[in-house]
Structures are given as C-alpha cells and as structure tokens.
Amino acid sequence: MGRDGQLELYGVLAARLKQAHTRVANPEVPDETRRELSRRLLAVTAVAKHDLADAARRLDVLTAELDELGIPDR
C-alpha cells in the first residue's frame, strides 16, 4: 500500500476510534463495562501504531460488540 493509502486508512481508523471512544464514554454504560471497553480501545490504539489492518479488524469486532450491547452513537 502506498503512503497515500496508508494515510487515508489511518484517518479512517482514527475517526472510527474517536467514535468508539465517544460511545464507550456514554454515561449509561456501567462503570465496569466502561473500564473493560476502554482497556480494549487502548489496545486497539496501540496496535494501530504498528499494524493498521489488524487494528481495523479488532475495531470491527469491538464496534459489533458495542452494537450488541445497545450502546448508541452520539
């Protein structure tokens, strides 16, 4: 993948991570659940520094879980 493609993927991933963080910060999410989801988001963020594709896959899984838990987009 060329540099432009990498930058574009990074931008998309960054926007999705920001949206996921906003969802997890929802005050209706129980504290224990929020802590676990925050830990996982931090792990995805760390992976993104080295492997954007793997981070995107992990974020897909986490986003699906947020959907299953009924945590809305804001």
N, C-alpha and C. Protein backbone atom coordinates (compact mmCIF):
# COMPACT_ATOMS: atom_id res chain seq x y z
N MET A 1 0.85 -1.17 0.00
CA MET A 1 0.00 0.00 0.00
C MET A 1 0.90 1.23 0.00
N GLY A 2 0.57 2.20 -0.84
CA GLY A 2 1.36 3.42 -0.91
C GLY A 2 1.15 4.31 0.30
N ARG A 3 1.99 5.28 0.40
CA ARG A 3 1.92 6.20 1.55
C ARG A 3 0.56 6.90 1.64
N ASP A 4 0.01 7.32 0.49
CA ASP A 4 -1.30 7.99 0.50
C ASP A 4 -2.39 7.05 1.01
N GLY A 5 -2.32 5.78 0.59
CA GLY A 5 -3.30 4.80 1.06
C GLY A 5 -3.19 4.57 2.55
N GLN A 6 -1.97 4.54 3.05
CA GLN A 6 -1.74 4.36 4.50
C GLN A 6 -2.31 5.55 5.27
N LEU A 7 -2.07 6.75 4.77
CA LEU A 7 -2.57 7.95 5.45
C LEU A 7 -4.09 7.98 5.46
N GLU A 8 -4.68 7.56 4.35
CA GLU A 8 -6.14 7.52 4.28
C GLU A 8 -6.70 6.50 5.27
N LEU A 9 -6.11 5.31 5.30
CA LEU A 9 -6.55 4.28 6.24
C LEU A 9 -6.38 4.76 7.68
N TYR A 10 -5.27 5.41 7.96
CA TYR A 10 -5.04 5.93 9.31
C TYR A 10 -6.11 6.96 9.67
N GLY A 11 -6.47 7.83 8.74
CA GLY A 11 -7.51 8.83 9.00
C GLY A 11 -8.86 8.20 9.28
N VAL A 12 -9.21 7.19 8.50
CA VAL A 12 -10.48 6.48 8.70
C VAL A 12 -10.48 5.78 10.06
N LEU A 13 -9.38 5.10 10.36
CA LEU A 13 -9.28 4.39 11.63
C LEU A 13 -9.35 5.35 12.81
N ALA A 14 -8.67 6.48 12.69
CA ALA A 14 -8.68 7.48 13.77
C ALA A 14 -10.10 7.99 14.01
N ALA A 15 -10.84 8.24 12.96
CA ALA A 15 -12.23 8.71 13.11
C ALA A 15 -13.10 7.65 13.77
N ARG A 16 -12.90 6.39 13.37
CA ARG A 16 -13.68 5.30 13.97
C ARG A 16 -13.33 5.10 15.44
N LEU A 17 -12.04 5.22 15.78
CA LEU A 17 -11.63 5.11 17.18
C LEU A 17 -12.25 6.24 18.01
N LYS A 18 -12.27 7.42 17.48
CA LYS A 18 -12.86 8.56 18.19
C LYS A 18 -14.34 8.31 18.43
N GLN A 19 -15.04 7.79 17.43
CA GLN A 19 -16.46 7.48 17.58
C GLN A 19 -16.66 6.39 18.63
N ALA A 20 -15.82 5.37 18.62
CA ALA A 20 -15.94 4.29 19.60
C ALA A 20 -15.68 4.82 21.01
N HIS A 21 -14.70 5.69 21.17
CA HIS A 21 -14.43 6.27 22.49
C HIS A 21 -15.63 7.07 22.98
N THR A 22 -16.28 7.79 22.08
CA THR A 22 -17.47 8.56 22.44
C THR A 22 -18.59 7.63 22.91
N ARG A 23 -18.75 6.52 22.21
CA ARG A 23 -19.79 5.56 22.59
C ARG A 23 -19.50 4.96 23.98
N VAL A 24 -18.25 4.60 24.21
CA VAL A 24 -17.88 3.99 25.49
C VAL A 24 -18.04 4.99 26.64
N ALA A 25 -17.83 6.26 26.37
CA ALA A 25 -17.95 7.29 27.41
C ALA A 25 -19.39 7.62 27.78
N ASN A 26 -20.34 7.01 27.10
CA ASN A 26 -21.76 7.24 27.38
C ASN A 26 -22.03 6.99 28.86
N PRO A 27 -22.65 7.95 29.54
CA PRO A 27 -22.90 7.79 30.98
C PRO A 27 -23.81 6.61 31.33
N GLU A 28 -24.54 6.10 30.35
CA GLU A 28 -25.43 4.96 30.62
C GLU A 28 -24.69 3.63 30.66
N VAL A 29 -23.43 3.62 30.25
CA VAL A 29 -22.63 2.40 30.27
C VAL A 29 -22.15 2.17 31.70
N PRO A 30 -22.42 0.99 32.26
CA PRO A 30 -21.96 0.71 33.63
C PRO A 30 -20.44 0.85 33.74
N ASP A 31 -19.99 1.29 34.92
CA ASP A 31 -18.56 1.56 35.15
C ASP A 31 -17.67 0.37 34.80
N GLU A 32 -18.02 -0.81 35.24
CA GLU A 32 -17.19 -1.98 34.98
C GLU A 32 -17.09 -2.27 33.49
N THR A 33 -18.21 -2.16 32.80
CA THR A 33 -18.23 -2.36 31.34
C THR A 33 -17.39 -1.29 30.66
N ARG A 34 -17.52 -0.05 31.09
CA ARG A 34 -16.76 1.05 30.51
C ARG A 34 -15.26 0.82 30.67
N ARG A 35 -14.85 0.36 31.85
CA ARG A 35 -13.43 0.10 32.08
C ARG A 35 -12.90 -0.96 31.12
N GLU A 36 -13.63 -2.05 30.96
CA GLU A 36 -13.20 -3.13 30.07
C GLU A 36 -13.15 -2.65 28.62
N LEU A 37 -14.18 -1.94 28.19
CA LEU A 37 -14.21 -1.45 26.82
C LEU A 37 -13.10 -0.42 26.58
N SER A 38 -12.83 0.42 27.56
CA SER A 38 -11.75 1.41 27.44
C SER A 38 -10.40 0.72 27.32
N ARG A 39 -10.21 -0.33 28.10
CA ARG A 39 -8.96 -1.09 28.02
C ARG A 39 -8.77 -1.67 26.62
N ARG A 40 -9.84 -2.20 26.06
CA ARG A 40 -9.76 -2.78 24.73
C ARG A 40 -9.52 -1.72 23.66
N LEU A 41 -10.13 -0.56 23.83
CA LEU A 41 -9.90 0.53 22.89
C LEU A 41 -8.44 0.99 22.92
N LEU A 42 -7.88 1.04 24.11
CA LEU A 42 -6.47 1.41 24.23
C LEU A 42 -5.57 0.38 23.53
N ALA A 43 -5.95 -0.88 23.65
CA ALA A 43 -5.18 -1.93 22.98
C ALA A 43 -5.26 -1.77 21.46
N VAL A 44 -6.44 -1.46 20.95
CA VAL A 44 -6.59 -1.25 19.50
C VAL A 44 -5.75 -0.05 19.07
N THR A 45 -5.76 1.01 19.86
CA THR A 45 -4.97 2.19 19.55
C THR A 45 -3.48 1.85 19.50
N ALA A 46 -3.02 1.04 20.44
CA ALA A 46 -1.62 0.64 20.46
C ALA A 46 -1.26 -0.19 19.23
N VAL A 47 -2.14 -1.10 18.84
CA VAL A 47 -1.89 -1.93 17.66
C VAL A 47 -1.84 -1.06 16.41
N ALA A 48 -2.65 -0.01 16.37
CA ALA A 48 -2.69 0.87 15.19
C ALA A 48 -1.34 1.51 14.90
N LYS A 49 -0.51 1.65 15.90
CA LYS A 49 0.81 2.25 15.69
C LYS A 49 1.71 1.35 14.85
N HIS A 50 1.39 0.05 14.79
CA HIS A 50 2.26 -0.90 14.11
C HIS A 50 1.58 -1.65 12.97
N ASP A 51 0.26 -1.83 13.06
CA ASP A 51 -0.45 -2.65 12.07
C ASP A 51 -1.87 -2.11 11.91
N LEU A 52 -2.06 -1.23 10.93
CA LEU A 52 -3.37 -0.59 10.73
C LEU A 52 -4.45 -1.61 10.38
N ALA A 53 -4.12 -2.59 9.56
CA ALA A 53 -5.12 -3.57 9.15
C ALA A 53 -5.61 -4.39 10.34
N ASP A 54 -4.70 -4.83 11.20
CA ASP A 54 -5.08 -5.60 12.39
C ASP A 54 -5.90 -4.73 13.33
N ALA A 55 -5.51 -3.49 13.49
CA ALA A 55 -6.26 -2.58 14.35
C ALA A 55 -7.68 -2.39 13.82
N ALA A 56 -7.83 -2.27 12.50
CA ALA A 56 -9.15 -2.11 11.91
C ALA A 56 -10.02 -3.35 12.16
N ARG A 57 -9.41 -4.53 12.03
CA ARG A 57 -10.16 -5.77 12.31
C ARG A 57 -10.60 -5.83 13.77
N ARG A 58 -9.70 -5.50 14.67
CA ARG A 58 -10.04 -5.51 16.10
C ARG A 58 -11.13 -4.50 16.40
N LEU A 59 -11.06 -3.34 15.76
CA LEU A 59 -12.07 -2.32 15.99
C LEU A 59 -13.42 -2.76 15.44
N ASP A 60 -13.43 -3.50 14.32
CA ASP A 60 -14.68 -4.06 13.79
C ASP A 60 -15.36 -4.95 14.83
N VAL A 61 -14.56 -5.81 15.46
CA VAL A 61 -15.10 -6.72 16.48
C VAL A 61 -15.65 -5.92 17.67
N LEU A 62 -14.90 -4.94 18.11
CA LEU A 62 -15.33 -4.14 19.26
C LEU A 62 -16.58 -3.33 18.92
N THR A 63 -16.64 -2.77 17.73
CA THR A 63 -17.81 -2.00 17.32
C THR A 63 -19.05 -2.89 17.26
N ALA A 64 -18.88 -4.10 16.76
CA ALA A 64 -20.01 -5.05 16.74
C ALA A 64 -20.48 -5.34 18.15
N GLU A 65 -19.55 -5.46 19.08
CA GLU A 65 -19.93 -5.71 20.47
C GLU A 65 -20.68 -4.50 21.05
N LEU A 66 -20.23 -3.30 20.73
CA LEU A 66 -20.93 -2.10 21.19
C LEU A 66 -22.37 -2.09 20.65
N ASP A 67 -22.52 -2.49 19.40
CA ASP A 67 -23.86 -2.58 18.80
C ASP A 67 -24.71 -3.60 19.55
N GLU A 68 -24.13 -4.77 19.84
CA GLU A 68 -24.86 -5.83 20.55
C GLU A 68 -25.27 -5.38 21.94
N LEU A 69 -24.41 -4.59 22.60
CA LEU A 69 -24.72 -4.09 23.93
C LEU A 69 -25.73 -2.96 23.90
N GLY A 70 -26.05 -2.47 22.71
CA GLY A 70 -27.02 -1.40 22.58
C GLY A 70 -26.47 -0.03 22.96
N ILE A 71 -25.16 0.14 22.87
CA ILE A 71 -24.55 1.42 23.20
C ILE A 71 -24.66 2.30 21.97
N PRO A 72 -25.44 3.37 22.05
CA PRO A 72 -25.74 4.17 20.86
C PRO A 72 -24.59 5.09 20.45
N ASP A 73 -24.61 5.47 19.17
CA ASP A 73 -23.75 6.54 18.69
C ASP A 73 -24.32 7.84 19.23
N ARG A 74 -23.44 8.80 19.48
CA ARG A 74 -23.96 10.09 19.92
C ARG A 74 -23.66 11.13 18.88
